[in-house]
C-alpha atoms as a PDB file:
ATOM      1  CA  MET A   1     -52.289  54.113 -50.913  1.00  0.00           C
ATOM      2  CA  ASP A   2     -50.107  51.187 -51.228  1.00  0.00           C
ATOM      3  CA  LYS A   3     -48.648  49.258 -48.293  1.00  0.00           C
ATOM      4  CA  VAL A   4     -44.849  49.050 -48.493  1.00  0.00           C
ATOM      5  CA  GLN A   5     -41.923  47.415 -46.673  1.00  0.00           C
ATOM      6  CA  ILE A   6     -39.273  49.927 -45.644  1.00  0.00           C
ATOM      7  CA  ARG A   7     -35.736  48.834 -45.335  1.00  0.00           C
ATOM      8  CA  GLU A   8     -33.651  51.969 -45.374  1.00  0.00           C
ATOM      9  CA  LEU A   9     -29.902  51.593 -44.860  1.00  0.00           C
ATOM     10  CA  LEU A  10     -27.941  54.436 -43.298  1.00  0.00           C
ATOM     11  CA  GLU A  11     -24.333  54.579 -42.443  1.00  0.00           C
ATOM     12  CA  LEU A  12     -22.617  56.181 -39.383  1.00  0.00           C
ATOM     13  CA  SER A  13     -20.216  58.397 -41.489  1.00  0.00           C
ATOM     14  CA  ALA A  14     -19.361  60.867 -38.609  1.00  0.00           C
ATOM     15  CA  PRO A  15     -17.968  60.237 -35.225  1.00  0.00           C
ATOM     16  CA  SER A  16     -20.709  60.034 -32.583  1.00  0.00           C
ATOM     17  CA  ARG A  17     -21.041  61.599 -29.100  1.00  0.00           C
ATOM     18  CA  VAL A  18     -20.964  58.614 -26.572  1.00  0.00           C
ATOM     19  CA  SER A  19     -21.692  59.017 -23.011  1.00  0.00           C
ATOM     20  CA  ARG A  20     -22.816  56.719 -20.065  1.00  0.00           C
ATOM     21  CA  ASP A  21     -25.825  57.159 -17.739  1.00  0.00           C
ATOM     22  CA  GLU A  22     -24.543  57.248 -14.284  1.00  0.00           C
ATOM     23  CA  ALA A  23     -27.695  55.712 -12.730  1.00  0.00           C
ATOM     24  CA  THR A  24     -28.254  52.813 -15.035  1.00  0.00           C
ATOM     25  CA  GLY A  25     -24.860  52.407 -16.671  1.00  0.00           C
ATOM     26  CA  GLU A  26     -26.528  52.725 -20.089  1.00  0.00           C
ATOM     27  CA  ILE A  27     -24.064  53.502 -23.032  1.00  0.00           C
ATOM     28  CA  ILE A  28     -25.726  56.402 -25.071  1.00  0.00           C
ATOM     29  CA  VAL A  29     -24.828  57.117 -28.643  1.00  0.00           C
ATOM     30  CA  GLU A  30     -26.250  60.666 -29.100  1.00  0.00           C
ATOM     31  CA  GLY A  31     -27.730  62.593 -31.974  1.00  0.00           C
ATOM     32  CA  VAL A  32     -28.317  59.745 -34.436  1.00  0.00           C
ATOM     33  CA  LYS A  33     -30.270  60.648 -37.589  1.00  0.00           C
ATOM     34  CA  TYR A  34     -32.650  57.631 -37.956  1.00  0.00           C
ATOM     35  CA  LEU A  35     -34.625  58.847 -40.867  1.00  0.00           C
ATOM     36  CA  GLY A  36     -33.985  61.534 -43.538  1.00  0.00           C
ATOM     37  CA  PRO A  37     -36.291  63.498 -45.954  1.00  0.00           C
ATOM     38  CA  ARG A  38     -35.471  61.733 -49.046  1.00  0.00           C
ATOM     39  CA  SER A  39     -34.057  58.437 -50.026  1.00  0.00           C
ATOM     40  CA  SER A  40     -32.142  57.343 -53.170  1.00  0.00           C
ATOM     41  CA  ASN A  41     -33.772  53.947 -52.828  1.00  0.00           C
ATOM     42  CA  VAL A  42     -35.204  53.073 -56.279  1.00  0.00           C
ATOM     43  CA  ASN A  43     -38.676  51.369 -56.068  1.00  0.00           C
ATOM     44  CA  ALA A  44     -39.935  48.921 -58.703  1.00  0.00           C
ATOM     45  CA  ASP A  45     -41.753  51.743 -60.523  1.00  0.00           C
ATOM     46  CA  GLY A  46     -38.769  53.912 -60.529  1.00  0.00           C
ATOM     47  CA  THR A  47     -39.882  56.265 -57.861  1.00  0.00           C
ATOM     48  CA  HIS A  48     -37.793  57.434 -54.880  1.00  0.00           C
ATOM     49  CA  ASN A  49     -39.372  57.476 -51.367  1.00  0.00           C
ATOM     50  CA  GLU A  50     -39.725  60.799 -49.652  1.00  0.00           C
ATOM     51  CA  TYR A  51     -40.572  61.445 -45.975  1.00  0.00           C
ATOM     52  CA  PRO A  52     -42.159  64.876 -45.598  1.00  0.00           C
ATOM     53  CA  LEU A  53     -41.477  66.810 -42.298  1.00  0.00           C
ATOM     54  CA  GLU A  54     -45.197  66.523 -41.254  1.00  0.00           C
ATOM     55  CA  GLY A  55     -45.233  62.737 -41.614  1.00  0.00           C
ATOM     56  CA  ARG A  56     -41.905  62.300 -39.968  1.00  0.00           C
ATOM     57  CA  ILE A  57     -43.122  64.273 -36.969  1.00  0.00           C
ATOM     58  CA  LYS A  58     -46.262  62.085 -36.707  1.00  0.00           C
ATOM     59  CA  SER A  59     -44.038  58.961 -36.841  1.00  0.00           C
ATOM     60  CA  GLU A  60     -41.784  60.067 -34.032  1.00  0.00           C
ATOM     61  CA  PRO A  61     -43.603  58.124 -31.327  1.00  0.00           C
ATOM     62  CA  LEU A  62     -43.223  54.969 -33.363  1.00  0.00           C
ATOM     63  CA  TYR A  63     -39.431  55.262 -33.208  1.00  0.00           C
ATOM     64  CA  ASP A  64     -39.301  56.187 -29.547  1.00  0.00           C
ATOM     65  CA  GLY A  65     -38.474  53.028 -27.703  1.00  0.00           C
ATOM     66  CA  ALA A  66     -38.042  50.950 -30.837  1.00  0.00           C
ATOM     67  CA  SER A  67     -35.691  47.946 -30.256  1.00  0.00           C
ATOM     68  CA  ILE A  68     -32.326  47.845 -31.502  1.00  0.00           C
ATOM     69  CA  TYR A  69     -31.004  44.490 -32.812  1.00  0.00           C
ATOM     70  CA  LEU A  70     -27.637  43.262 -34.173  1.00  0.00           C
ATOM     71  CA  ASN A  71     -28.045  42.527 -37.769  1.00  0.00           C
ATOM     72  CA  HIS A  72     -31.245  42.212 -39.534  1.00  0.00           C
ATOM     73  CA  PRO A  73     -33.738  39.373 -40.796  1.00  0.00           C
ATOM     74  CA  GLY A  74     -33.397  38.324 -44.506  1.00  0.00           C
ATOM     75  CA  ARG A  75     -35.484  40.129 -47.078  1.00  0.00           C
ATOM     76  CA  ASP A  76     -37.779  37.185 -47.315  1.00  0.00           C
ATOM     77  CA  GLU A  77     -38.561  37.147 -43.567  1.00  0.00           C
ATOM     78  CA  PRO A  78     -38.922  40.724 -42.333  1.00  0.00           C
ATOM     79  CA  GLY A  79     -41.583  39.920 -39.688  1.00  0.00           C
ATOM     80  CA  ARG A  80     -39.627  36.914 -38.051  1.00  0.00           C
ATOM     81  CA  GLU A  81     -39.230  36.927 -34.220  1.00  0.00           C
ATOM     82  CA  ARG A  82     -35.892  38.055 -33.200  1.00  0.00           C
ATOM     83  CA  GLY A  83     -33.553  36.137 -30.790  1.00  0.00           C
ATOM     84  CA  TYR A  84     -33.045  37.399 -27.249  1.00  0.00           C
ATOM     85  CA  GLN A  85     -29.231  37.439 -27.874  1.00  0.00           C
ATOM     86  CA  GLU A  86     -29.589  39.800 -30.796  1.00  0.00           C
ATOM     87  CA  LYS A  87     -31.250  42.652 -28.957  1.00  0.00           C
ATOM     88  CA  LEU A  88     -28.708  45.421 -28.154  1.00  0.00           C
ATOM     89  CA  GLY A  89     -30.938  48.202 -26.552  1.00  0.00           C
ATOM     90  CA  ARG A  90     -33.436  50.766 -27.685  1.00  0.00           C
ATOM     91  CA  LEU A  91     -33.865  53.969 -29.695  1.00  0.00           C
ATOM     92  CA  ARG A  92     -34.941  56.862 -27.482  1.00  0.00           C
ATOM     93  CA  ASN A  93     -35.512  60.658 -27.365  1.00  0.00           C
ATOM     94  CA  THR A  94     -37.027  60.885 -30.842  1.00  0.00           C
ATOM     95  CA  VAL A  95     -40.186  62.900 -30.075  1.00  0.00           C
ATOM     96  CA  GLY A  96     -39.661  66.697 -30.978  1.00  0.00           C
ATOM     97  CA  ARG A  97     -36.582  66.135 -32.679  1.00  0.00           C
ATOM     98  CA  SER A  98     -37.502  66.253 -36.466  1.00  0.00           C
ATOM     99  CA  THR A  99     -36.232  68.973 -38.682  1.00  0.00           C
ATOM    100  CA  GLU A 100     -36.094  69.707 -42.464  1.00  0.00           C
ATOM    101  CA  GLU A 101     -32.718  67.921 -42.406  1.00  0.00           C
ATOM    102  CA  GLY A 102     -34.018  64.750 -40.837  1.00  0.00           C
ATOM    103  CA  SER A 103     -35.204  63.078 -37.667  1.00  0.00           C
ATOM    104  CA  PHE A 104     -32.930  62.326 -34.715  1.00  0.00           C
ATOM    105  CA  GLY A 105     -32.722  60.284 -31.690  1.00  0.00           C
ATOM    106  CA  ASP A 106     -30.304  58.583 -29.344  1.00  0.00           C
ATOM    107  CA  LEU A 107     -29.090  54.833 -29.293  1.00  0.00           C
ATOM    108  CA  HIS A 108     -29.335  53.427 -25.582  1.00  0.00           C
ATOM    109  CA  LEU A 109     -27.176  50.281 -25.489  1.00  0.00           C
ATOM    110  CA  ASN A 110     -27.339  47.600 -22.686  1.00  0.00           C
ATOM    111  CA  PRO A 111     -23.839  47.828 -21.236  1.00  0.00           C
ATOM    112  CA  GLU A 112     -24.016  44.121 -20.176  1.00  0.00           C
ATOM    113  CA  HIS A 113     -24.356  43.043 -23.783  1.00  0.00           C
ATOM    114  CA  PRO A 114     -21.012  41.506 -24.893  1.00  0.00           C
ATOM    115  CA  LEU A 115     -20.858  43.687 -28.020  1.00  0.00           C
ATOM    116  CA  ALA A 116     -22.028  46.995 -26.473  1.00  0.00           C
ATOM    117  CA  GLY A 117     -18.686  48.299 -25.902  1.00  0.00           C
ATOM    118  CA  GLN A 118     -17.589  47.335 -29.403  1.00  0.00           C
ATOM    119  CA  VAL A 119     -20.461  49.051 -31.022  1.00  0.00           C
ATOM    120  CA  ALA A 120     -19.922  52.265 -28.839  1.00  0.00           C
ATOM    121  CA  TRP A 121     -16.077  52.348 -29.719  1.00  0.00           C
ATOM    122  CA  ASP A 122     -16.937  51.947 -33.456  1.00  0.00           C
ATOM    123  CA  ALA A 123     -19.554  54.692 -33.313  1.00  0.00           C
ATOM    124  CA  GLU A 124     -17.010  57.102 -31.665  1.00  0.00           C
ATOM    125  CA  HIS A 125     -13.867  56.039 -33.445  1.00  0.00           C
ATOM    126  CA  SER A 126     -14.750  54.158 -36.552  1.00  0.00           C
ATOM    127  CA  PRO A 127     -18.287  55.319 -37.535  1.00  0.00           C
ATOM    128  CA  ASP A 128     -17.901  53.888 -41.073  1.00  0.00           C
ATOM    129  CA  SER A 129     -17.794  50.313 -39.713  1.00  0.00           C
ATOM    130  CA  LEU A 130     -21.505  50.646 -38.690  1.00  0.00           C
ATOM    131  CA  GLY A 131     -24.869  51.330 -40.159  1.00  0.00           C
ATOM    132  CA  LEU A 132     -28.657  51.240 -39.153  1.00  0.00           C
ATOM    133  CA  SER A 133     -31.173  49.284 -41.232  1.00  0.00           C
ATOM    134  CA  HIS A 134     -34.867  50.016 -40.600  1.00  0.00           C
ATOM    135  CA  ASN A 135     -37.478  47.211 -40.438  1.00  0.00           C
ATOM    136  CA  ALA A 136     -40.691  49.155 -40.803  1.00  0.00           C
ATOM    137  CA  GLN A 137     -43.902  49.490 -42.626  1.00  0.00           C
ATOM    138  CA  GLY A 138     -45.494  52.381 -44.289  1.00  0.00           C
ATOM    139  CA  GLU A 139     -48.059  53.809 -46.800  1.00  0.00           C
ATOM    140  CA  GLY A 140     -46.895  55.008 -50.159  1.00  0.00           C
ATOM    141  CA  HIS A 141     -48.626  57.400 -52.470  1.00  0.00           C
ATOM    142  CA  VAL A 142     -47.563  58.564 -55.976  1.00  0.00           C
ATOM    143  CA  GLU A 143     -49.409  61.401 -57.645  1.00  0.00           C
ATOM    144  CA  GLY A 144     -49.689  60.995 -61.565  1.00  0.00           C
ATOM    145  CA  LYS A 145     -46.387  60.498 -63.191  1.00  0.00           C
ATOM    146  CA  SER A 146     -44.141  61.878 -60.615  1.00  0.00           C
ATOM    147  CA  ASP A 147     -41.002  60.165 -59.743  1.00  0.00           C
ATOM    148  CA  LYS A 148     -41.638  60.745 -55.859  1.00  0.00           C
ATOM    149  CA  CYS A 149     -43.330  58.263 -53.717  1.00  0.00           C
ATOM    150  CA  THR A 150     -44.501  60.069 -50.489  1.00  0.00           C
ATOM    151  CA  VAL A 151     -44.160  57.531 -47.614  1.00  0.00           C
ATOM    152  CA  THR A 152     -45.845  57.723 -44.137  1.00  0.00           C
ATOM    153  CA  VAL A 153     -44.398  55.226 -41.720  1.00  0.00           C
ATOM    154  CA  THR A 154     -47.232  53.414 -40.001  1.00  0.00           C
ATOM    155  CA  ASN A 155     -45.273  50.623 -37.962  1.00  0.00           C
ATOM    156  CA  VAL A 156     -41.703  50.295 -36.753  1.00  0.00           C
ATOM    157  CA  ARG A 157     -40.577  46.674 -35.998  1.00  0.00           C
ATOM    158  CA  SER A 158     -36.969  47.551 -35.132  1.00  0.00           C
ATOM    159  CA  VAL A 159     -33.884  49.577 -36.031  1.00  0.00           C
ATOM    160  CA  ASP A 160     -31.032  47.104 -36.610  1.00  0.00           C
ATOM    161  CA  ILE A 161     -27.234  47.749 -36.284  1.00  0.00           C
ATOM    162  CA  VAL A 162     -25.430  46.041 -39.302  1.00  0.00           C
ATOM    163  CA  ALA A 163     -22.014  46.291 -41.007  1.00  0.00           C
ATOM    164  CA  ALA A 164     -21.979  49.553 -43.112  1.00  0.00           C
ATOM    165  CA  ALA A 165     -22.482  49.278 -46.746  1.00  0.00           C
ATOM    166  CA  ALA A 166     -21.241  51.630 -49.373  1.00  0.00           C
ATOM    167  CA  THR A 167     -23.286  54.529 -48.632  1.00  0.00           C
ATOM    168  CA  THR A 168     -22.425  58.238 -48.146  1.00  0.00           C
ATOM    169  CA  SER A 169     -25.108  59.208 -45.612  1.00  0.00           C
ATOM    170  CA  SER A 170     -24.594  60.563 -41.933  1.00  0.00           C
ATOM    171  CA  LEU A 171     -26.664  59.656 -39.049  1.00  0.00           C
ATOM    172  CA  PHE A 172     -25.532  62.652 -37.223  1.00  0.00           C
ATOM    173  CA  GLU A 173     -26.378  66.404 -37.769  1.00  0.00           C
ATOM    174  CA  SER A 174     -25.662  67.294 -41.205  1.00  0.00           C
ATOM    175  CA  VAL A 175     -26.945  69.626 -43.890  1.00  0.00           C
ATOM    176  CA  ALA A 176     -26.532  66.942 -46.483  1.00  0.00           C
ATOM    177  CA  PRO A 177     -29.589  64.905 -47.602  1.00  0.00           C
ATOM    178  CA  MET A 178     -29.733  61.337 -46.556  1.00  0.00           C
ATOM    179  CA  THR A 179     -28.357  58.683 -49.136  1.00  0.00           C
ATOM    180  CA  ILE A 180     -29.069  55.039 -48.706  1.00  0.00           C
ATOM    181  CA  GLU A 181     -28.292  51.975 -50.317  1.00  0.00           C
ATOM    182  CA  PRO A 182     -30.580  51.159 -53.272  1.00  0.00           C
ATOM    183  CA  GLU A 183     -32.918  48.355 -52.946  1.00  0.00           C
ATOM    184  CA  THR A 184     -36.415  47.003 -54.174  1.00  0.00           C
ATOM    185  CA  VAL A 185     -39.511  48.144 -51.993  1.00  0.00           C
ATOM    186  CA  GLU A 186     -41.798  45.290 -51.701  1.00  0.00           C
ATOM    187  CA  GLU A 187     -45.101  46.671 -52.373  1.00  0.00           C
ATOM    188  CA  THR A 188     -47.240  43.368 -51.929  1.00  0.00           C
ATOM    189  CA  PRO A 189     -49.170  43.445 -48.721  1.00  0.00           C
ATOM    190  CA  GLU A 190     -49.297  39.523 -48.580  1.00  0.00           C
ATOM    191  CA  ILE A 191     -45.732  39.354 -47.071  1.00  0.00           C
ATOM    192  CA  GLU A 192     -47.128  40.914 -44.070  1.00  0.00           C
ATOM    193  CA  GLU A 193     -49.794  38.347 -43.330  1.00  0.00           C
ATOM    194  CA  PRO A 194     -49.000  36.257 -40.184  1.00  0.00           C
ATOM    195  CA  VAL A 195     -49.588  32.927 -42.193  1.00  0.00           C
ATOM    196  CA  LEU A 196     -46.486  33.537 -44.077  1.00  0.00           C
ATOM    197  CA  GLU A 197     -44.508  33.426 -40.868  1.00  0.00           C
ATOM    198  CA  ALA A 198     -46.235  30.073 -40.101  1.00  0.00           C
ATOM    199  CA  GLU A 199     -45.120  28.732 -43.533  1.00  0.00           C
ATOM    200  CA  GLN A 200     -41.522  29.659 -42.981  1.00  0.00           C
ATOM    201  CA  PRO A 201     -40.647  27.760 -39.716  1.00  0.00           C
ATOM    202  CA  VAL A 202     -36.940  28.613 -40.154  1.00  0.00           C
ATOM    203  CA  GLU A 203     -34.992  28.168 -36.879  1.00  0.00           C
ATOM    204  CA  GLU A 204     -32.378  30.828 -36.759  1.00  0.00           C
ATOM    205  CA  GLN A 205     -28.954  30.078 -35.301  1.00  0.00           C
ATOM    206  CA  PRO A 206     -27.121  32.822 -33.518  1.00  0.00           C
ATOM    207  CA  GLU A 207     -24.457  34.530 -35.682  1.00  0.00           C
ATOM    208  CA  ALA A 208     -20.977  33.453 -34.595  1.00  0.00           C
ATOM    209  CA  VAL A 209     -19.031  35.923 -32.609  1.00  0.00           C
ATOM    210  CA  ASP A 210     -15.325  36.596 -32.870  1.00  0.00           C
ATOM    211  CA  THR A 211     -14.135  35.346 -29.520  1.00  0.00           C
ATOM    212  CA  ASP A 212     -10.549  36.701 -29.943  1.00  0.00           C
ATOM    213  CA  ALA A 213     -11.994  40.114 -30.763  1.00  0.00           C
ATOM    214  CA  LEU A 214     -14.411  39.800 -27.804  1.00  0.00           C
ATOM    215  CA  GLU A 215     -11.609  38.846 -25.356  1.00  0.00           C
ATOM    216  CA  ALA A 216      -9.420  41.710 -26.574  1.00  0.00           C
ATOM    217  CA  LEU A 217     -12.217  44.154 -26.074  1.00  0.00           C
ATOM    218  CA  ARG A 218     -12.771  42.812 -22.603  1.00  0.00           C
ATOM    219  CA  ALA A 219      -9.270  43.237 -21.774  1.00  0.00           C
ATOM    220  CA  GLU A 220      -9.120  46.890 -23.039  1.00  0.00           C
ATOM    221  CA  VAL A 221     -12.225  47.612 -21.012  1.00  0.00           C
ATOM    222  CA  ALA A 222     -10.646  46.054 -17.845  1.00  0.00           C
ATOM    223  CA  GLU A 223      -7.513  48.291 -18.403  1.00  0.00           C
ATOM    224  CA  LEU A 224      -9.524  51.359 -18.799  1.00  0.00           C
ATOM    225  CA  LYS A 225     -11.425  50.483 -15.542  1.00  0.00           C
ATOM    226  CA  ALA A 226      -8.183  49.913 -13.630  1.00  0.00           C
ATOM    227  CA  ALA A 227      -6.734  53.315 -14.968  1.00  0.00           C
ATOM    228  CA  ALA A 228      -9.985  55.006 -13.820  1.00  0.00           C
ATOM    229  CA  ALA A 229      -9.729  53.389 -10.473  1.00  0.00           C
ATOM    230  CA  GLU A 230      -6.239  54.352  -9.910  1.00  0.00           C
ATOM    231  CA  THR A 231      -6.966  57.961 -11.054  1.00  0.00           C
ATOM    232  CA  GLU A 232      -9.756  58.271  -8.475  1.00  0.00           C
ATOM    233  CA  ARG A 233      -7.508  56.724  -5.762  1.00  0.00           C
ATOM    234  CA  LEU A 234      -4.847  59.328  -6.321  1.00  0.00           C
ATOM    235  CA  ALA A 235      -7.495  62.109  -6.219  1.00  0.00           C
ATOM    236  CA  GLY A 236      -8.625  60.674  -2.893  1.00  0.00           C
ATOM    237  CA  ARG A 237      -5.168  60.703  -1.379  1.00  0.00           C
ATOM    238  CA  THR A 238      -4.673  64.310  -2.766  1.00  0.00           C
ATOM    239  CA  ARG A 239      -7.831  65.355  -0.792  1.00  0.00           C
ATOM    240  CA  LEU A 240      -6.568  63.564   2.394  1.00  0.00           C
ATOM    241  CA  ILE A 241      -3.358  65.650   2.167  1.00  0.00           C
ATOM    242  CA  ALA A 242      -5.231  68.841   1.644  1.00  0.00           C
ATOM    243  CA  GLU A 243      -7.756  68.302   4.406  1.00  0.00           C
ATOM    244  CA  SER A 244      -4.954  67.452   6.744  1.00  0.00           C
ATOM    245  CA  ASN A 245      -4.091  71.267   6.845  1.00  0.00           C
ATOM    246  CA  LEU A 246      -0.338  70.469   7.304  1.00  0.00           C
ATOM    247  CA  PRO A 247       1.938  73.383   6.549  1.00  0.00           C
ATOM    248  CA  SER A 248       3.816  72.895   3.220  1.00  0.00           C
ATOM    249  CA  GLU A 249       7.171  73.013   5.166  1.00  0.00           C
ATOM    250  CA  VAL A 250       6.529  69.458   6.323  1.00  0.00           C
ATOM    251  CA  LEU A 251       5.058  68.101   3.202  1.00  0.00           C
ATOM    252  CA  SER A 252       8.247  67.052   1.254  1.00  0.00           C
ATOM    253  CA  ASP A 253       8.085  65.291  -2.052  1.00  0.00           C
ATOM    254  CA  ILE A 254       9.056  62.102  -0.621  1.00  0.00           C
ATOM    255  CA  PHE A 255       6.336  62.006   2.264  1.00  0.00           C
ATOM    256  CA  VAL A 256       3.638  62.968  -0.339  1.00  0.00           C
ATOM    257  CA  GLU A 257       4.545  59.934  -2.602  1.00  0.00           C
ATOM    258  CA  GLN A 258       4.565  57.747   0.655  1.00  0.00           C
ATOM    259  CA  VAL A 259       0.981  58.914   1.415  1.00  0.00           C
ATOM    260  CA  LYS A 260      -0.115  58.273  -2.204  1.00  0.00           C
ATOM    261  CA  ALA A 261       1.503  54.803  -2.325  1.00  0.00           C
ATOM    262  CA  ALA A 262      -0.260  53.749   1.099  1.00  0.00           C
ATOM    263  CA  THR A 263      -2.115  50.429   0.621  1.00  0.00           C
ATOM    264  CA  ASP A 264      -5.331  52.006   2.003  1.00  0.00           C
ATOM    265  CA  ASP A 265      -6.819  55.172   3.324  1.00  0.00           C
ATOM    266  CA  ASP A 266      -6.466  54.226   6.841  1.00  0.00           C
ATOM    267  CA  THR A 267      -2.715  53.853   6.310  1.00  0.00           C
ATOM    268  CA  ALA A 268      -2.545  57.195   4.538  1.00  0.00           C
ATOM    269  CA  LYS A 269      -4.405  58.984   7.320  1.00  0.00           C
ATOM    270  CA  ALA A 270      -2.038  57.299   9.880  1.00  0.00           C
ATOM    271  CA  LEU A 271       1.014  58.629   8.142  1.00  0.00           C
ATOM    272  CA  LEU A 272      -0.504  62.266   7.943  1.00  0.00           C
ATOM    273  CA  GLU A 273      -1.423  62.124  11.708  1.00  0.00           C
ATOM    274  CA  ASP A 274       2.128  60.990  12.513  1.00  0.00           C
ATOM    275  CA  ARG A 275       3.636  63.802  10.492  1.00  0.00           C
ATOM    276  CA  ARG A 276       1.380  66.181  12.419  1.00  0.00           C
ATOM    277  CA  ARG A 277       2.530  64.902  15.751  1.00  0.00           C
ATOM    278  CA  VAL A 278       6.142  65.139  14.741  1.00  0.00           C
ATOM    279  CA  ALA A 279       5.852  68.652  13.175  1.00  0.00           C
ATOM    280  CA  PHE A 280       4.086  70.252  16.131  1.00  0.00           C
ATOM    281  CA  HIS A 281       6.282  68.710  18.935  1.00  0.00           C
ATOM    282  CA  GLN A 282       9.643  69.111  17.270  1.00  0.00           C
ATOM    283  CA  THR A 283      11.979  71.703  18.633  1.00  0.00           C
ATOM    284  CA  PRO A 284      13.887  73.973  16.229  1.00  0.00           C
ATOM    285  CA  GLU A 285      17.660  73.393  15.948  1.00  0.00           C
ATOM    286  CA  THR A 286      18.326  77.084  16.575  1.00  0.00           C
ATOM    287  CA  THR A 287      16.471  77.044  19.958  1.00  0.00           C
ATOM    288  CA  THR A 288      18.336  76.003  23.102  1.00  0.00           C
ATOM    289  CA  THR A 289      15.188  76.339  25.469  1.00  0.00           C
ATOM    290  CA  THR A 290      12.340  73.900  25.635  1.00  0.00           C
ATOM    291  CA  THR A 291       8.952  75.358  24.635  1.00  0.00           C
ATOM    292  CA  THR A 292       5.503  74.073  25.053  1.00  0.00           C
ATOM    293  CA  PRO A 293       4.089  72.993  21.628  1.00  0.00           C
ATOM    294  CA  PRO A 294       1.204  75.250  20.579  1.00  0.00           C
ATOM    295  CA  GLU A 295      -2.360  74.235  19.427  1.00  0.00           C
ATOM    296  CA  LYS A 296      -2.348  71.796  16.487  1.00  0.00           C
ATOM    297  CA  SER A 297      -3.181  74.122  13.650  1.00  0.00           C
ATOM    298  CA  ALA A 298      -1.083  75.376  10.561  1.00  0.00           C
ATOM    299  CA  GLU A 299      -1.379  79.080  11.601  1.00  0.00           C
ATOM    300  CA  ASP A 300      -0.081  78.324  15.158  1.00  0.00           C
ATOM    301  CA  PHE A 301       2.682  76.157  13.688  1.00  0.00           C
ATOM    302  CA  ARG A 302       3.951  79.013  11.499  1.00  0.00           C
ATOM    303  CA  ALA A 303       3.758  81.591  14.540  1.00  0.00           C
ATOM    304  CA  TRP A 304       5.700  78.991  16.617  1.00  0.00           C
ATOM    305  CA  MET A 305       8.309  78.718  13.892  1.00  0.00           C
ATOM    306  CA  ARG A 306       8.812  82.509  13.715  1.00  0.00           C
ATOM    307  CA  SER A 307       9.243  82.936  17.481  1.00  0.00           C
END
């Protein structure tokens, strides 16, 4: 078998399911197709790479936990060490998720990375803006004059997030076969020798970040957090009102709004307690005699009002 360098480019052409791990805060892009059964990649000998189900099942552990980086190294430096600032997360949950249609997993993104929110938003709302570029090695075998090169993945360096090219594939569940950007597969094993890395001491500079776009994204995230906090605060005030067991007769719209607008929970509780004291010690206007207020419960109050 020949040793080959695999660089399959796939596009997120369908909106993804995005969630957040409550315990760790990780942003999870679910159900990503990271490898399909056939590539439209044209090799130097005119063959197309094929990834049989059996081989993809065997390679599942190689992808489970693979690092996810922003952008990918150049074609002439596939093995260079990646910068810390380039790492965005890992590919997880790949084992046991290969089918005839493809192999699937989940992208787990570091929520503290300055571009994690942007990637998650694009994956959910603008999937054609993103793509995955595999940086892996494999063994290829061509039988006779066949136009198929059967590839078995033997090593996975990383799965890189890049700007999507003009492809038509989907990384998410689909019956359509995978289509990727054509590129030449390097079949010379010499490019993998460590000595080549030593002969190319190229110091990579971090790719420039669009600061205006980043600030806009941070502002949007801050607004979403503020809206969520306000929703949670109002829900808490609604619970306080319900737990007070005050009868609906004394819960006017104006009073309810006052409780919700209170600066803190202690103030809201004080308003509810004051309304309770007023309600259970107030003498009805139609009564000319003084009565002793009953026990402080909603049912006693209703019975007292009917007397």
